[in-house]
Amino acid sequence: MKKYSSWYPLNEEGLEASSLEGEAAVQVRRQRGLLDYGHGKSAMVWYGYFQKNSRRRLQEVFQDEWDQPGIRGQGPLVFRYYSGEDAEESMVRRARQFAKRFGGPPLFHRSTTNTEI
C-alpha cells in the first residue's frame, strides 16, 4: 500500500500546512462519522487524481466548501494525498476497491459529472 500524507482539514489552513503540489492522488473524507453506503460504512466521500497543479485543482473542486464549510451536508472534511510516480494508478486502484466493497462510488461522485478519478 502506498504511503499517503497525514490528514489535513479541507480549508486554507490545511492546504497551507500540507506540501501538496504537482501530481497527486487525493482522498477526501468526513472528519467525523461514517456514511452508510448500503454495503458497509465509510467516511470517504471523494477520490481524485490531478496530473498537475494539485493544490489549485483541489481548491477548485471544493470551492463551495472553502466558501461555506459544510455546505455539502457532511460536516468538516479532511484530505490526504500521495505524490509518488504511480499516483494515478494508486487512485484508480483505490476507487475500484471502494466501488467493489461499497457497491458504487463515494458520495461526491454520485451527483456530479466529476471525472477526476
Foldseek 3Di string as FASTA:
>chain_A
DADKDDKFWPEPVRLVVDPDFAWKKKWKFQPDDWDQLPLDTDRTADIFIDRGGVSVVSCVVVVVCHVPNCPVVRHTMIMIIDDDPCRVVVRVVVQVVCCVRRVHGGNVVPPDVDDRD
